[in-house]
Amino acid sequence: SPGRDSPGSSGSGSRHSTASLDSGRASGCHLGPPHPRCSLSSSSVGSDHSAPARVERLLLQGVPDQDVLHAWLMDIHFEEYFPLFVSAGYDMYTISRMTPEDLTAIGIKKPNHRKKLKAEIAQLNISDGLPDYIPGSLDEWLRLLRLEEYGAALGCQGYSTIQDVTQLTWEDLEDIGIVKLGHQKRILLAIKRVKDLRAGKVFPPPHTPVLMPHN
């Protein structure tokens, strides 16, 4: 379908079907075990006046991303969706770039919930977390994306440089075994960032709060 390689487009999530995702098609390459999940702590929730302000503060403090995600969902009263975001591999930076189609793809079936979540996402005062420069190696690029666990799988398929991975499509990621929707979106957004940087576009450093106009 058109737009498949443009993760920022409104139709970017519609191509995903959780039922079609499997890691058994990744030939002989095997992904390593997932990193252990951090435990959640309600102590990370502060006394900020708004959920977006709290997210910004917790991220700047270096609070583990899943703790920030859980605190945000608690604040906006959608904590029941925490397992869906986690199992799909979404972090807060990538959540800030989710479309309604992406929300559908991870299993949020109620239209009114998707609408409310999209409105809350639009209020997030954070960057996309992507590097503002092109690193010197694929390993460094993956580390900056917090996806270094995929280095071996990419290398096994012959992807050894950043130039190599800029040719990847969504189908390629699935075939390699990168099947978490949030990880796919993060990689495709990062590929677009590399192409934009090469075209001369300038971006703020990652993790810089986005200045939003006051009403």
Protein backbone atom coordinates (compact mmCIF):
# COMPACT_ATOMS: atom_id res chain seq x y z
CA SER A 1 0.00 0.00 0.00
CA PRO A 2 1.28 3.56 -0.59
CA GLY A 3 2.94 5.40 2.27
CA ARG A 4 4.38 2.23 3.69
CA ASP A 5 7.83 3.76 3.99
CA SER A 6 6.70 7.04 5.54
CA PRO A 7 6.22 6.31 9.24
CA GLY A 8 5.15 9.84 10.00
CA SER A 9 2.18 9.73 7.65
CA SER A 10 -1.36 9.39 8.88
CA GLY A 11 -1.67 5.94 7.38
CA SER A 12 1.51 4.57 8.86
CA GLY A 13 -0.11 2.32 11.39
CA SER A 14 -2.83 0.83 9.24
CA ARG A 15 -0.45 -1.62 7.64
CA HIS A 16 0.27 -3.35 10.94
CA SER A 17 -1.65 -6.40 12.05
CA THR A 18 -0.59 -7.96 15.30
CA ALA A 19 -1.96 -11.28 14.14
CA SER A 20 0.43 -11.33 11.19
CA LEU A 21 3.55 -10.62 13.21
CA ASP A 22 5.81 -13.55 13.90
CA SER A 23 9.52 -13.93 14.43
CA GLY A 24 9.84 -17.34 12.83
CA ARG A 25 10.58 -15.93 9.40
CA ALA A 26 13.95 -14.51 10.38
CA SER A 27 15.95 -17.31 8.70
CA GLY A 28 18.80 -18.60 10.84
CA CYS A 29 19.35 -15.39 12.75
CA HIS A 30 18.01 -15.30 16.26
CA LEU A 31 17.36 -12.22 18.32
CA GLY A 32 18.70 -12.18 21.82
CA PRO A 33 16.46 -12.43 24.86
CA PRO A 34 14.53 -9.29 25.74
CA HIS A 35 15.95 -7.05 28.39
CA PRO A 36 14.39 -7.57 31.83
CA ARG A 37 11.58 -5.15 32.44
CA CYS A 38 11.98 -2.62 35.19
CA SER A 39 9.63 -2.72 38.12
CA LEU A 40 7.06 0.02 38.38
CA SER A 41 7.07 2.45 41.23
CA SER A 42 4.38 4.94 42.12
CA SER A 43 7.05 7.05 43.81
CA SER A 44 8.08 8.32 40.36
CA VAL A 45 4.83 10.27 40.14
CA GLY A 46 5.40 13.81 41.30
CA SER A 47 3.20 16.81 41.92
CA ASP A 48 3.35 18.51 38.52
CA HIS A 49 0.23 20.33 37.41
CA SER A 50 -0.23 18.34 34.20
CA ALA A 51 0.51 14.92 32.78
CA PRO A 52 2.72 16.33 29.95
CA ALA A 53 4.79 18.35 32.43
CA ARG A 54 5.27 15.28 34.60
CA VAL A 55 6.39 13.18 31.62
CA GLU A 56 8.93 15.84 30.65
CA ARG A 57 10.29 16.07 34.19
CA LEU A 58 10.56 12.31 34.72
CA LEU A 59 12.36 11.79 31.41
CA LEU A 60 14.83 14.58 32.19
CA GLN A 61 15.47 12.95 35.57
CA GLY A 62 16.36 9.69 33.85
CA VAL A 63 13.43 7.72 35.29
CA PRO A 64 13.09 4.35 33.46
CA ASP A 65 10.85 4.77 30.46
CA GLN A 66 8.30 2.15 31.50
CA ASP A 67 7.88 3.93 34.83
CA VAL A 68 7.23 7.18 32.95
CA LEU A 69 4.78 5.42 30.64
CA HIS A 70 2.90 3.91 33.56
CA ALA A 71 2.75 7.26 35.40
CA TRP A 72 1.45 8.99 32.26
CA LEU A 73 -1.25 6.39 31.65
CA MET A 74 -2.29 6.58 35.31
CA ASP A 75 -2.55 10.38 35.06
CA ILE A 76 -4.80 10.21 31.99
CA HIS A 77 -6.79 7.23 33.34
CA PHE A 78 -5.82 4.74 30.63
CA GLU A 79 -3.58 2.51 32.72
CA GLU A 80 -5.38 -0.59 31.41
CA TYR A 81 -3.49 -0.10 28.14
CA PHE A 82 -0.04 -0.24 29.74
CA PRO A 83 0.54 -3.91 28.71
CA LEU A 84 -0.34 -3.09 25.09
CA PHE A 85 2.20 -0.28 24.83
CA VAL A 86 4.87 -2.37 26.56
CA SER A 87 4.34 -5.53 24.51
CA ALA A 88 4.49 -3.46 21.30
CA GLY A 89 7.84 -1.97 22.34
CA TYR A 90 6.75 1.67 22.49
CA ASP A 91 8.71 4.18 24.55
CA MET A 92 7.47 7.67 25.40
CA TYR A 93 9.46 9.33 22.62
CA THR A 94 7.95 7.05 19.98
CA ILE A 95 4.49 7.30 21.57
CA SER A 96 4.74 11.06 20.96
CA ARG A 97 4.71 10.26 17.21
CA MET A 98 1.87 7.70 17.24
CA THR A 99 -1.06 8.05 14.86
CA PRO A 100 -4.62 6.80 15.49
CA GLU A 101 -3.77 3.90 13.17
CA ASP A 102 -0.80 3.02 15.37
CA LEU A 103 -3.09 2.96 18.40
CA THR A 104 -5.44 0.62 16.57
CA ALA A 105 -2.55 -1.64 15.59
CA ILE A 106 -1.45 -2.23 19.19
CA GLY A 107 -4.98 -3.29 20.16
CA ILE A 108 -6.80 -0.16 21.36
CA LYS A 109 -10.18 -0.96 19.85
CA LYS A 110 -12.49 1.72 21.26
CA PRO A 111 -12.66 4.75 18.93
CA ASN A 112 -13.37 7.17 21.77
CA HIS A 113 -10.34 5.90 23.69
CA ARG A 114 -8.14 6.31 20.61
CA LYS A 115 -9.44 9.86 20.17
CA LYS A 116 -8.72 10.75 23.80
CA LEU A 117 -5.29 9.12 23.71
CA LYS A 118 -4.38 10.97 20.51
CA ALA A 119 -5.39 14.25 22.15
CA GLU A 120 -3.19 13.45 25.16
CA ILE A 121 -0.30 12.43 22.89
CA ALA A 122 -0.59 15.76 21.06
CA GLN A 123 0.03 17.52 24.40
CA LEU A 124 3.29 15.70 25.13
CA ASN A 125 6.06 18.27 25.40
CA ILE A 126 8.94 16.00 24.37
CA SER A 127 11.11 15.42 21.33
CA ASP A 128 11.07 12.26 19.25
CA GLY A 129 14.29 11.08 20.94
CA LEU A 130 16.04 10.55 17.61
CA PRO A 131 19.70 11.56 17.13
CA ASP A 132 20.25 14.98 15.54
CA TYR A 133 23.33 13.74 13.65
CA ILE A 134 24.40 10.66 11.71
CA PRO A 135 26.62 8.46 13.92
CA GLY A 136 29.79 6.89 12.58
CA SER A 137 28.64 3.30 12.97
CA LEU A 138 25.51 1.19 12.89
CA ASP A 139 26.18 -0.01 16.44
CA GLU A 140 26.25 3.56 17.72
CA TRP A 141 23.07 4.40 15.79
CA LEU A 142 21.25 1.43 17.32
CA ARG A 143 22.52 2.37 20.78
CA LEU A 144 21.17 5.90 20.40
CA LEU A 145 17.83 4.41 19.36
CA ARG A 146 17.92 2.10 22.41
CA LEU A 147 17.62 -0.85 20.01
CA GLU A 148 21.10 -2.31 20.20
CA GLU A 149 19.66 -5.80 20.68
CA TYR A 150 19.02 -5.91 16.94
CA GLY A 151 22.65 -5.45 15.91
CA ALA A 152 23.32 -9.17 15.52
CA ALA A 153 20.15 -9.84 13.52
CA LEU A 154 20.88 -6.95 11.15
CA GLY A 155 24.49 -8.04 10.75
CA CYS A 156 23.42 -11.60 10.01
CA GLN A 157 21.32 -10.29 7.14
CA GLY A 158 24.20 -8.25 5.73
CA TYR A 159 23.28 -4.84 7.12
CA SER A 160 26.53 -3.45 8.50
CA THR A 161 26.33 0.32 7.94
CA ILE A 162 23.78 3.08 8.44
CA GLN A 163 23.62 3.44 4.66
CA ASP A 164 22.60 -0.22 4.46
CA VAL A 165 19.72 0.17 6.91
CA THR A 166 18.33 3.27 5.18
CA GLN A 167 17.15 0.86 2.48
CA LEU A 168 15.02 -1.13 4.95
CA THR A 169 11.26 -1.28 4.55
CA TRP A 170 8.60 -2.47 6.98
CA GLU A 171 8.53 -5.87 5.25
CA ASP A 172 12.31 -6.16 5.60
CA LEU A 173 12.08 -5.52 9.34
CA GLU A 174 9.48 -8.26 9.69
CA ASP A 175 11.58 -10.72 7.70
CA ILE A 176 14.64 -9.95 9.84
CA GLY A 177 12.59 -10.63 12.96
CA ILE A 178 12.02 -7.08 14.19
CA VAL A 179 8.30 -7.48 14.82
CA LYS A 180 7.44 -5.16 17.72
CA LEU A 181 5.37 -2.35 16.25
CA GLY A 182 7.01 0.32 18.39
CA HIS A 183 10.49 -0.84 17.39
CA GLN A 184 9.51 -0.89 13.73
CA LYS A 185 8.17 2.66 13.95
CA ARG A 186 11.26 3.89 15.81
CA ILE A 187 13.59 2.43 13.18
CA LEU A 188 11.54 3.77 10.26
CA LEU A 189 11.36 7.22 11.86
CA ALA A 190 15.13 7.09 12.43
CA ILE A 191 15.72 6.09 8.80
CA LYS A 192 13.67 9.10 7.70
CA ARG A 193 15.73 11.27 10.08
CA VAL A 194 18.99 10.06 8.48
CA LYS A 195 17.64 10.88 5.02
CA ASP A 196 16.47 14.32 6.19
CA LEU A 197 19.87 15.05 7.76
CA ARG A 198 21.59 14.10 4.53
CA ALA A 199 19.23 16.48 2.73
CA GLY A 200 20.49 19.30 4.95
CA LYS A 201 17.67 19.58 7.46
CA VAL A 202 18.57 20.63 11.01
CA PHE A 203 16.96 19.16 14.13
CA PRO A 204 17.18 19.98 17.87
CA PRO A 205 19.21 17.60 20.05
CA PRO A 206 17.28 14.53 21.24
CA HIS A 207 15.45 14.66 24.56
CA THR A 208 15.06 18.45 24.26
CA PRO A 209 11.59 19.61 25.37
CA VAL A 210 9.50 20.90 22.50
CA LEU A 211 8.39 24.49 23.00
CA MET A 212 4.64 24.68 22.62
CA PRO A 213 2.65 27.93 22.28
CA HIS A 214 0.60 29.02 25.27
CA ASN A 215 -3.10 29.49 24.75
